[in-house]
Amino acid sequence: MNKKTRQDVVDFIDARFEWARERFTDVLRAELDTAIDLAGLVGAIDLQEQRYYKERLNRFVMDDHQQWQIANGRVA
């Protein structure tokens, strides 16, 4: 895989994370999860980058759940 293609893949994932800041949905979560897995499988990102993106995604999910709990009075 050439350097430009690798950068395009990373840019795609980063763009989805930027979008997730404004509007995190289950569909976007699934898209990010799939994109990260595929990027790792085809060698566009290495294992360390894949772990970084998965941890970042998990933080988005945790923050989303916490915001839902606060909005619905589930957290004191």
N, C-alpha and C. Protein backbone atom coordinates (compact mmCIF):
# COMPACT_ATOMS: atom_id res chain seq x y z
N MET A 1 0.86 -1.17 0.00
CA MET A 1 0.00 0.00 0.00
C MET A 1 0.91 1.23 0.00
N ASN A 2 0.58 2.18 -0.86
CA ASN A 2 1.44 3.36 -0.93
C ASN A 2 1.12 4.36 0.18
N LYS A 3 2.02 5.31 0.33
CA LYS A 3 1.93 6.27 1.43
C LYS A 3 0.66 7.13 1.34
N LYS A 4 0.27 7.53 0.13
CA LYS A 4 -0.93 8.36 -0.03
C LYS A 4 -2.18 7.59 0.38
N THR A 5 -2.27 6.34 0.00
CA THR A 5 -3.44 5.53 0.37
C THR A 5 -3.52 5.37 1.87
N ARG A 6 -2.39 5.12 2.51
CA ARG A 6 -2.37 5.02 3.97
C ARG A 6 -2.86 6.31 4.60
N GLN A 7 -2.38 7.44 4.09
CA GLN A 7 -2.78 8.73 4.64
C GLN A 7 -4.27 8.98 4.41
N ASP A 8 -4.78 8.58 3.26
CA ASP A 8 -6.21 8.73 2.98
C ASP A 8 -7.05 7.94 3.98
N VAL A 9 -6.60 6.74 4.32
CA VAL A 9 -7.32 5.92 5.29
C VAL A 9 -7.31 6.59 6.66
N VAL A 10 -6.16 7.06 7.10
CA VAL A 10 -6.07 7.75 8.39
C VAL A 10 -6.92 9.00 8.38
N ASP A 11 -6.90 9.76 7.30
CA ASP A 11 -7.73 10.97 7.19
C ASP A 11 -9.22 10.63 7.28
N PHE A 12 -9.61 9.52 6.67
CA PHE A 12 -11.01 9.08 6.72
C PHE A 12 -11.43 8.80 8.16
N ILE A 13 -10.60 8.07 8.87
CA ILE A 13 -10.92 7.74 10.27
C ILE A 13 -10.95 9.01 11.11
N ASP A 14 -9.95 9.86 10.94
CA ASP A 14 -9.91 11.11 11.71
C ASP A 14 -11.13 11.99 11.42
N ALA A 15 -11.56 12.03 10.17
CA ALA A 15 -12.74 12.83 9.81
C ALA A 15 -13.99 12.30 10.51
N ARG A 16 -14.11 10.98 10.62
CA ARG A 16 -15.26 10.40 11.31
C ARG A 16 -15.23 10.74 12.80
N PHE A 17 -14.03 10.77 13.39
CA PHE A 17 -13.93 11.15 14.80
C PHE A 17 -14.31 12.62 14.98
N GLU A 18 -13.94 13.48 14.06
CA GLU A 18 -14.33 14.89 14.14
C GLU A 18 -15.84 15.02 14.07
N TRP A 19 -16.45 14.27 13.19
CA TRP A 19 -17.91 14.29 13.06
C TRP A 19 -18.55 13.77 14.34
N ALA A 20 -17.93 12.76 14.96
CA ALA A 20 -18.47 12.16 16.18
C ALA A 20 -18.51 13.16 17.33
N ARG A 21 -17.63 14.13 17.32
CA ARG A 21 -17.64 15.15 18.38
C ARG A 21 -18.97 15.89 18.41
N GLU A 22 -19.53 16.13 17.24
CA GLU A 22 -20.76 16.90 17.14
C GLU A 22 -22.00 16.01 17.23
N ARG A 23 -21.88 14.80 16.75
CA ARG A 23 -23.08 13.97 16.60
C ARG A 23 -22.72 12.49 16.65
N PHE A 24 -22.59 11.95 17.84
CA PHE A 24 -22.21 10.55 18.00
C PHE A 24 -23.47 9.69 17.96
N THR A 25 -23.48 8.72 17.08
CA THR A 25 -24.61 7.81 16.94
C THR A 25 -24.10 6.37 16.90
N ASP A 26 -25.00 5.43 17.06
CA ASP A 26 -24.63 4.02 16.97
C ASP A 26 -24.14 3.67 15.57
N VAL A 27 -24.74 4.28 14.57
CA VAL A 27 -24.32 4.03 13.19
C VAL A 27 -22.89 4.54 12.97
N LEU A 28 -22.60 5.72 13.47
CA LEU A 28 -21.25 6.27 13.34
C LEU A 28 -20.25 5.42 14.12
N ARG A 29 -20.65 4.94 15.29
CA ARG A 29 -19.78 4.07 16.07
C ARG A 29 -19.44 2.80 15.29
N ALA A 30 -20.45 2.20 14.69
CA ALA A 30 -20.24 0.99 13.90
C ALA A 30 -19.35 1.26 12.69
N GLU A 31 -19.55 2.41 12.05
CA GLU A 31 -18.73 2.77 10.89
C GLU A 31 -17.27 2.96 11.30
N LEU A 32 -17.05 3.63 12.41
CA LEU A 32 -15.69 3.82 12.91
C LEU A 32 -15.05 2.49 13.28
N ASP A 33 -15.78 1.66 13.97
CA ASP A 33 -15.26 0.36 14.38
C ASP A 33 -14.84 -0.46 13.16
N THR A 34 -15.68 -0.48 12.15
CA THR A 34 -15.39 -1.22 10.92
C THR A 34 -14.20 -0.61 10.19
N ALA A 35 -14.16 0.70 10.08
CA ALA A 35 -13.06 1.37 9.39
C ALA A 35 -11.72 1.09 10.07
N ILE A 36 -11.71 1.11 11.39
CA ILE A 36 -10.48 0.83 12.14
C ILE A 36 -10.03 -0.61 11.91
N ASP A 37 -10.97 -1.54 11.99
CA ASP A 37 -10.63 -2.94 11.77
C ASP A 37 -10.11 -3.18 10.36
N LEU A 38 -10.79 -2.62 9.38
CA LEU A 38 -10.36 -2.80 7.98
C LEU A 38 -8.99 -2.16 7.73
N ALA A 39 -8.77 -0.99 8.30
CA ALA A 39 -7.48 -0.33 8.12
C ALA A 39 -6.36 -1.18 8.70
N GLY A 40 -6.63 -1.82 9.85
CA GLY A 40 -5.64 -2.71 10.43
C GLY A 40 -5.41 -3.95 9.58
N LEU A 41 -6.50 -4.53 9.06
CA LEU A 41 -6.39 -5.75 8.27
C LEU A 41 -5.61 -5.56 6.98
N VAL A 42 -5.78 -4.42 6.34
CA VAL A 42 -5.08 -4.20 5.06
C VAL A 42 -3.71 -3.55 5.24
N GLY A 43 -3.34 -3.28 6.50
CA GLY A 43 -2.02 -2.74 6.75
C GLY A 43 -1.89 -1.24 6.60
N ALA A 44 -3.02 -0.55 6.52
CA ALA A 44 -2.97 0.91 6.40
C ALA A 44 -2.54 1.55 7.72
N ILE A 45 -2.85 0.88 8.83
CA ILE A 45 -2.39 1.34 10.14
C ILE A 45 -1.79 0.13 10.85
N ASP A 46 -0.82 0.39 11.71
CA ASP A 46 -0.21 -0.72 12.44
C ASP A 46 -1.01 -1.03 13.70
N LEU A 47 -0.59 -2.04 14.42
CA LEU A 47 -1.33 -2.49 15.60
C LEU A 47 -1.41 -1.40 16.66
N GLN A 48 -0.34 -0.66 16.85
CA GLN A 48 -0.34 0.42 17.84
C GLN A 48 -1.36 1.50 17.48
N GLU A 49 -1.42 1.88 16.21
CA GLU A 49 -2.42 2.87 15.76
C GLU A 49 -3.84 2.32 15.91
N GLN A 50 -4.00 1.04 15.60
CA GLN A 50 -5.32 0.42 15.73
C GLN A 50 -5.78 0.46 17.19
N ARG A 51 -4.90 0.15 18.10
CA ARG A 51 -5.24 0.21 19.53
C ARG A 51 -5.59 1.63 19.94
N TYR A 52 -4.82 2.60 19.45
CA TYR A 52 -5.08 4.01 19.78
C TYR A 52 -6.49 4.40 19.32
N TYR A 53 -6.84 4.05 18.09
CA TYR A 53 -8.15 4.42 17.57
C TYR A 53 -9.27 3.69 18.32
N LYS A 54 -9.05 2.42 18.67
CA LYS A 54 -10.07 1.68 19.42
C LYS A 54 -10.26 2.29 20.82
N GLU A 55 -9.18 2.68 21.48
CA GLU A 55 -9.30 3.32 22.79
C GLU A 55 -10.02 4.66 22.67
N ARG A 56 -9.71 5.39 21.62
CA ARG A 56 -10.38 6.67 21.38
C ARG A 56 -11.87 6.46 21.17
N LEU A 57 -12.22 5.45 20.39
CA LEU A 57 -13.62 5.14 20.15
C LEU A 57 -14.31 4.73 21.45
N ASN A 58 -13.64 3.93 22.25
CA ASN A 58 -14.23 3.51 23.53
C ASN A 58 -14.48 4.71 24.44
N ARG A 59 -13.59 5.70 24.41
CA ARG A 59 -13.82 6.91 25.21
C ARG A 59 -15.05 7.66 24.72
N PHE A 60 -15.25 7.72 23.40
CA PHE A 60 -16.45 8.36 22.85
C PHE A 60 -17.70 7.63 23.34
N VAL A 61 -17.67 6.30 23.32
CA VAL A 61 -18.82 5.51 23.76
C VAL A 61 -19.10 5.75 25.24
N MET A 62 -18.06 5.74 26.06
CA MET A 62 -18.23 5.97 27.50
C MET A 62 -18.77 7.38 27.76
N ASP A 63 -18.25 8.38 27.08
CA ASP A 63 -18.74 9.74 27.25
C ASP A 63 -20.20 9.86 26.82
N ASP A 64 -20.55 9.20 25.73
CA ASP A 64 -21.93 9.22 25.24
C ASP A 64 -22.87 8.60 26.26
N HIS A 65 -22.47 7.47 26.83
CA HIS A 65 -23.30 6.83 27.86
C HIS A 65 -23.44 7.72 29.09
N GLN A 66 -22.36 8.35 29.49
CA GLN A 66 -22.41 9.22 30.66
C GLN A 66 -23.33 10.41 30.41
N GLN A 67 -23.25 11.01 29.23
CA GLN A 67 -24.12 12.14 28.90
C GLN A 67 -25.58 11.69 28.90
N TRP A 68 -25.85 10.48 28.38
CA TRP A 68 -27.22 9.96 28.39
C TRP A 68 -27.71 9.79 29.82
N GLN A 69 -26.86 9.24 30.69
CA GLN A 69 -27.26 9.05 32.09
C GLN A 69 -27.55 10.36 32.77
N ILE A 70 -26.74 11.36 32.53
CA ILE A 70 -26.94 12.67 33.13
C ILE A 70 -28.25 13.28 32.61
N ALA A 71 -28.45 13.20 31.31
CA ALA A 71 -29.65 13.78 30.70
C ALA A 71 -30.92 13.09 31.17
N ASN A 72 -30.83 11.84 31.55
CA ASN A 72 -31.99 11.09 31.95
C ASN A 72 -32.06 10.86 33.47
N GLY A 73 -31.28 11.63 34.19
CA GLY A 73 -31.34 11.58 35.65
C GLY A 73 -30.87 10.28 36.26
N ARG A 74 -29.96 9.58 35.60
CA ARG A 74 -29.48 8.29 36.10
C ARG A 74 -28.23 8.41 36.94
N VAL A 75 -27.64 9.61 36.96
CA VAL A 75 -26.41 9.84 37.72
C VAL A 75 -26.66 10.97 38.71
N ALA A 76 -26.22 10.77 39.92
CA ALA A 76 -26.42 11.80 40.96
C ALA A 76 -25.39 12.88 40.83
